[in-house]
């Protein structure tokens, strides 16, 4: 049972890549939102 489980669990690199695939786009959205809050002209802010 233990060998079967060890063979079917993804490697650590897979977990890191999966976490980065969620974190990087979230970070980009937050950065762009902050840039828009600072750089948009007053007439364009809602």
C-alpha atoms as a PDB file:
ATOM      1  CA  UNK A   1       0.000   0.000   0.000  1.00  0.00           C
ATOM      2  CA  UNK A   2       2.770   2.414   0.904  1.00  0.00           C
ATOM      3  CA  UNK A   3       4.664   1.818  -2.342  1.00  0.00           C
ATOM      4  CA  UNK A   4       1.496   2.252  -4.368  1.00  0.00           C
ATOM      5  CA  UNK A   5       0.808   5.546  -2.606  1.00  0.00           C
ATOM      6  CA  UNK A   6       4.382   6.748  -3.048  1.00  0.00           C
ATOM      7  CA  UNK A   7       4.191   5.984  -6.768  1.00  0.00           C
ATOM      8  CA  UNK A   8       0.963   7.921  -7.252  1.00  0.00           C
ATOM      9  CA  UNK A   9       1.704  11.078  -5.267  1.00  0.00           C
ATOM     10  CA  UNK A  10       3.074  13.884  -7.457  1.00  0.00           C
ATOM     11  CA  UNK A  11       6.580  15.142  -6.798  1.00  0.00           C
ATOM     12  CA  UNK A  12       7.336  18.249  -4.766  1.00  0.00           C
ATOM     13  CA  UNK A  13       8.099  20.194  -7.941  1.00  0.00           C
ATOM     14  CA  UNK A  14       4.570  19.504  -9.143  1.00  0.00           C
ATOM     15  CA  UNK A  15       3.109  20.959  -5.957  1.00  0.00           C
ATOM     16  CA  UNK A  16       5.371  24.016  -6.212  1.00  0.00           C
ATOM     17  CA  UNK A  17       4.376  24.612  -9.828  1.00  0.00           C
ATOM     18  CA  UNK A  18       0.700  24.216  -8.966  1.00  0.00           C
ATOM     19  CA  UNK A  19       1.024  26.759  -6.160  1.00  0.00           C
ATOM     20  CA  UNK A  20       2.861  29.175  -8.436  1.00  0.00           C
ATOM     21  CA  UNK A  21       0.209  28.779 -11.138  1.00  0.00           C
ATOM     22  CA  UNK A  22      -2.294  30.142  -8.627  1.00  0.00           C
ATOM     23  CA  UNK A  23      -0.094  32.717  -6.894  1.00  0.00           C
ATOM     24  CA  UNK A  24       1.495  34.446  -9.903  1.00  0.00           C
ATOM     25  CA  UNK A  25      -1.759  35.423 -11.691  1.00  0.00           C
ATOM     26  CA  UNK A  26      -3.284  36.541  -8.375  1.00  0.00           C
ATOM     27  CA  UNK A  27      -0.213  38.705  -7.726  1.00  0.00           C
ATOM     28  CA  UNK A  28      -0.401  40.246 -11.205  1.00  0.00           C
ATOM     29  CA  UNK A  29      -4.081  41.125 -10.709  1.00  0.00           C
ATOM     30  CA  UNK A  30      -3.272  42.785  -7.368  1.00  0.00           C
ATOM     31  CA  UNK A  31      -0.361  44.755  -8.871  1.00  0.00           C
ATOM     32  CA  UNK A  32      -2.465  45.990 -11.801  1.00  0.00           C
ATOM     33  CA  UNK A  33      -5.311  46.963  -9.466  1.00  0.00           C
ATOM     34  CA  UNK A  34      -2.898  49.005  -7.336  1.00  0.00           C
ATOM     35  CA  UNK A  35      -1.464  50.676 -10.446  1.00  0.00           C
ATOM     36  CA  UNK A  36      -4.946  51.565 -11.664  1.00  0.00           C
ATOM     37  CA  UNK A  37      -5.895  53.040  -8.289  1.00  0.00           C
ATOM     38  CA  UNK A  38      -2.846  55.304  -8.407  1.00  0.00           C
ATOM     39  CA  UNK A  39      -2.615  56.143 -12.103  1.00  0.00           C
ATOM     40  CA  UNK A  40      -6.188  56.429 -13.404  1.00  0.00           C
ATOM     41  CA  UNK A  41      -7.424  60.004 -13.867  1.00  0.00           C
ATOM     42  CA  UNK A  42     -10.179  61.208 -11.516  1.00  0.00           C
ATOM     43  CA  UNK A  43     -12.873  61.135 -14.216  1.00  0.00           C
ATOM     44  CA  UNK A  44     -12.169  57.475 -14.918  1.00  0.00           C
ATOM     45  CA  UNK A  45     -12.337  56.254 -11.312  1.00  0.00           C
ATOM     46  CA  UNK A  46     -15.603  54.641 -10.271  1.00  0.00           C
END
